[in-house]
Amino acid sequence: MNEVNNKFRYSELIVLIFLWICFQSQSVLACRYNVRESGFIDLGTKPYYFYGYVNKDTPEEITSSFEQIS
């Protein structure tokens, strides 16, 4: 009888913990601006730069691709 009661208490505790976790409210961080807000406005015509750093062990195929893009 006591063993059955302990198993019931344990499963009851698990259910309560699960419900407690489900009902927690957490803050979610995200980018403030999305495509809808910034997709249809003029952000200016300033050029942007893409920097790709390669070292001496980088294969020639990759470095030549960077040179073609620039």
N, C-alpha and C. Protein backbone atom coordinates (compact mmCIF):
# COMPACT_ATOMS: atom_id res chain seq x y z
N MET A 1 0.82 -1.19 0.00
CA MET A 1 0.00 0.00 0.00
C MET A 1 0.87 1.26 0.00
N ASN A 2 1.88 1.25 0.84
CA ASN A 2 2.76 2.41 0.95
C ASN A 2 3.54 2.62 -0.34
N GLU A 3 3.96 1.51 -0.98
CA GLU A 3 4.71 1.61 -2.23
C GLU A 3 3.85 2.18 -3.36
N VAL A 4 2.60 1.80 -3.42
CA VAL A 4 1.67 2.32 -4.42
C VAL A 4 1.44 3.80 -4.19
N ASN A 5 1.33 4.20 -2.93
CA ASN A 5 1.13 5.60 -2.59
C ASN A 5 2.34 6.44 -2.99
N ASN A 6 3.55 5.90 -2.80
CA ASN A 6 4.77 6.62 -3.18
C ASN A 6 4.84 6.81 -4.70
N LYS A 7 4.46 5.77 -5.46
CA LYS A 7 4.47 5.88 -6.92
C LYS A 7 3.46 6.92 -7.39
N PHE A 8 2.31 6.95 -6.73
CA PHE A 8 1.30 7.95 -7.08
C PHE A 8 1.81 9.35 -6.79
N ARG A 9 2.46 9.54 -5.65
CA ARG A 9 3.01 10.86 -5.30
C ARG A 9 4.09 11.29 -6.30
N TYR A 10 4.92 10.32 -6.70
CA TYR A 10 5.99 10.63 -7.64
C TYR A 10 5.40 11.07 -8.98
N SER A 11 4.43 10.33 -9.50
CA SER A 11 3.83 10.70 -10.78
C SER A 11 3.06 12.01 -10.67
N GLU A 12 2.45 12.25 -9.53
CA GLU A 12 1.75 13.51 -9.29
C GLU A 12 2.74 14.68 -9.30
N LEU A 13 3.89 14.47 -8.70
CA LEU A 13 4.93 15.50 -8.68
C LEU A 13 5.44 15.79 -10.09
N ILE A 14 5.63 14.75 -10.89
CA ILE A 14 6.10 14.93 -12.26
C ILE A 14 5.08 15.74 -13.07
N VAL A 15 3.80 15.42 -12.91
CA VAL A 15 2.76 16.15 -13.63
C VAL A 15 2.73 17.61 -13.19
N LEU A 16 2.87 17.86 -11.91
CA LEU A 16 2.86 19.24 -11.42
C LEU A 16 4.06 20.03 -11.95
N ILE A 17 5.21 19.42 -11.98
CA ILE A 17 6.41 20.09 -12.51
C ILE A 17 6.22 20.38 -13.99
N PHE A 18 5.69 19.42 -14.73
CA PHE A 18 5.44 19.62 -16.15
C PHE A 18 4.47 20.78 -16.39
N LEU A 19 3.41 20.82 -15.64
CA LEU A 19 2.44 21.91 -15.78
C LEU A 19 3.04 23.26 -15.39
N TRP A 20 3.86 23.26 -14.36
CA TRP A 20 4.52 24.50 -13.93
C TRP A 20 5.43 25.03 -15.04
N ILE A 21 6.16 24.12 -15.69
CA ILE A 21 7.05 24.53 -16.78
C ILE A 21 6.24 25.07 -17.96
N CYS A 22 5.13 24.42 -18.26
CA CYS A 22 4.30 24.85 -19.40
C CYS A 22 3.71 26.23 -19.20
N PHE A 23 3.40 26.59 -17.98
CA PHE A 23 2.73 27.86 -17.73
C PHE A 23 3.68 28.99 -17.36
N GLN A 24 4.97 28.76 -17.47
CA GLN A 24 5.94 29.82 -17.21
C GLN A 24 5.94 30.80 -18.38
N SER A 25 6.03 32.05 -18.09
CA SER A 25 6.14 33.05 -19.16
C SER A 25 7.59 33.50 -19.23
N GLN A 26 8.14 33.41 -20.42
CA GLN A 26 9.53 33.77 -20.63
C GLN A 26 9.60 34.91 -21.64
N SER A 27 10.57 35.77 -21.45
CA SER A 27 10.79 36.85 -22.41
C SER A 27 11.50 36.27 -23.64
N VAL A 28 11.10 36.75 -24.79
CA VAL A 28 11.71 36.31 -26.03
C VAL A 28 12.35 37.52 -26.68
N LEU A 29 13.60 37.38 -27.04
CA LEU A 29 14.31 38.48 -27.69
C LEU A 29 14.34 38.23 -29.19
N ALA A 30 14.04 39.26 -29.95
CA ALA A 30 14.05 39.15 -31.40
C ALA A 30 14.42 40.50 -31.99
N CYS A 31 14.72 40.49 -33.25
CA CYS A 31 15.03 41.72 -33.96
C CYS A 31 13.77 42.59 -34.02
N ARG A 32 13.92 43.85 -33.76
CA ARG A 32 12.76 44.75 -33.72
C ARG A 32 12.18 44.98 -35.11
N TYR A 33 13.03 45.02 -36.11
CA TYR A 33 12.58 45.33 -37.46
C TYR A 33 12.51 44.05 -38.28
N ASN A 34 11.48 43.93 -39.07
CA ASN A 34 11.36 42.79 -39.96
C ASN A 34 11.27 43.29 -41.40
N VAL A 35 11.08 42.39 -42.34
CA VAL A 35 11.05 42.77 -43.75
C VAL A 35 9.88 43.69 -44.04
N ARG A 36 8.79 43.48 -43.39
CA ARG A 36 7.62 44.33 -43.63
C ARG A 36 7.92 45.78 -43.29
N GLU A 37 8.70 46.02 -42.24
CA GLU A 37 8.99 47.39 -41.83
C GLU A 37 10.12 48.01 -42.63
N SER A 38 11.10 47.23 -43.04
CA SER A 38 12.25 47.81 -43.73
C SER A 38 12.32 47.44 -45.20
N GLY A 39 11.44 46.60 -45.69
CA GLY A 39 11.52 46.16 -47.08
C GLY A 39 11.06 47.17 -48.09
N PHE A 40 10.24 48.13 -47.71
CA PHE A 40 9.67 49.06 -48.67
C PHE A 40 10.08 50.50 -48.41
N ILE A 41 11.17 50.70 -47.71
CA ILE A 41 11.64 52.05 -47.47
C ILE A 41 13.01 52.23 -48.09
N ASP A 42 13.36 53.45 -48.34
CA ASP A 42 14.67 53.75 -48.92
C ASP A 42 15.66 53.90 -47.78
N LEU A 43 16.59 52.97 -47.69
CA LEU A 43 17.59 53.03 -46.63
C LEU A 43 18.84 53.79 -47.05
N GLY A 44 18.81 54.37 -48.23
CA GLY A 44 19.97 55.12 -48.71
C GLY A 44 20.70 54.33 -49.77
N THR A 45 21.65 55.00 -50.38
CA THR A 45 22.40 54.35 -51.46
C THR A 45 23.86 54.16 -51.09
N LYS A 46 24.15 54.13 -49.83
CA LYS A 46 25.53 53.91 -49.42
C LYS A 46 25.94 52.49 -49.78
N PRO A 47 27.12 52.35 -50.39
CA PRO A 47 27.56 50.99 -50.73
C PRO A 47 27.96 50.24 -49.46
N TYR A 48 27.88 48.96 -49.54
CA TYR A 48 28.31 48.15 -48.42
C TYR A 48 29.52 47.34 -48.86
N TYR A 49 30.29 46.91 -47.91
CA TYR A 49 31.52 46.20 -48.19
C TYR A 49 31.48 44.83 -47.54
N PHE A 50 31.94 43.85 -48.28
CA PHE A 50 32.05 42.49 -47.77
C PHE A 50 33.53 42.17 -47.66
N TYR A 51 33.96 41.88 -46.46
CA TYR A 51 35.36 41.56 -46.23
C TYR A 51 35.49 40.06 -46.03
N GLY A 52 36.35 39.46 -46.80
CA GLY A 52 36.63 38.03 -46.65
C GLY A 52 38.11 37.86 -46.36
N TYR A 53 38.41 37.33 -45.23
CA TYR A 53 39.80 37.14 -44.83
C TYR A 53 40.23 35.72 -45.14
N VAL A 54 41.34 35.59 -45.82
CA VAL A 54 41.89 34.28 -46.15
C VAL A 54 43.32 34.23 -45.66
N ASN A 55 43.76 33.05 -45.32
CA ASN A 55 45.15 32.90 -44.91
C ASN A 55 45.92 32.17 -46.00
N LYS A 56 47.18 31.91 -45.78
CA LYS A 56 48.02 31.32 -46.82
C LYS A 56 47.66 29.87 -47.12
N ASP A 57 46.92 29.22 -46.24
CA ASP A 57 46.53 27.83 -46.46
C ASP A 57 45.20 27.69 -47.20
N THR A 58 44.57 28.80 -47.55
CA THR A 58 43.29 28.77 -48.24
C THR A 58 43.51 28.31 -49.68
N PRO A 59 42.68 27.39 -50.16
CA PRO A 59 42.85 26.90 -51.54
C PRO A 59 42.70 28.03 -52.57
N GLU A 60 43.41 27.87 -53.68
CA GLU A 60 43.42 28.88 -54.74
C GLU A 60 42.02 29.09 -55.33
N GLU A 61 41.22 28.05 -55.35
CA GLU A 61 39.86 28.16 -55.90
C GLU A 61 39.03 29.18 -55.12
N ILE A 62 39.17 29.18 -53.81
CA ILE A 62 38.40 30.10 -52.97
C ILE A 62 38.92 31.52 -53.11
N THR A 63 40.23 31.68 -53.11
CA THR A 63 40.78 33.04 -53.24
C THR A 63 40.46 33.63 -54.61
N SER A 64 40.48 32.82 -55.66
CA SER A 64 40.13 33.35 -56.98
C SER A 64 38.65 33.71 -57.05
N SER A 65 37.81 32.97 -56.33
CA SER A 65 36.38 33.32 -56.28
C SER A 65 36.18 34.67 -55.61
N PHE A 66 36.92 34.92 -54.53
CA PHE A 66 36.84 36.22 -53.87
C PHE A 66 37.29 37.34 -54.81
N GLU A 67 38.34 37.10 -55.56
CA GLU A 67 38.84 38.12 -56.48
C GLU A 67 37.85 38.40 -57.61
N GLN A 68 37.16 37.37 -58.09
CA GLN A 68 36.17 37.56 -59.15
C GLN A 68 34.97 38.36 -58.65
N ILE A 69 34.57 38.12 -57.43
CA ILE A 69 33.42 38.81 -56.86
C ILE A 69 33.72 40.29 -56.67
N SER A 70 34.94 40.61 -56.27
CA SER A 70 35.27 42.00 -55.94
C SER A 70 35.51 42.86 -57.13
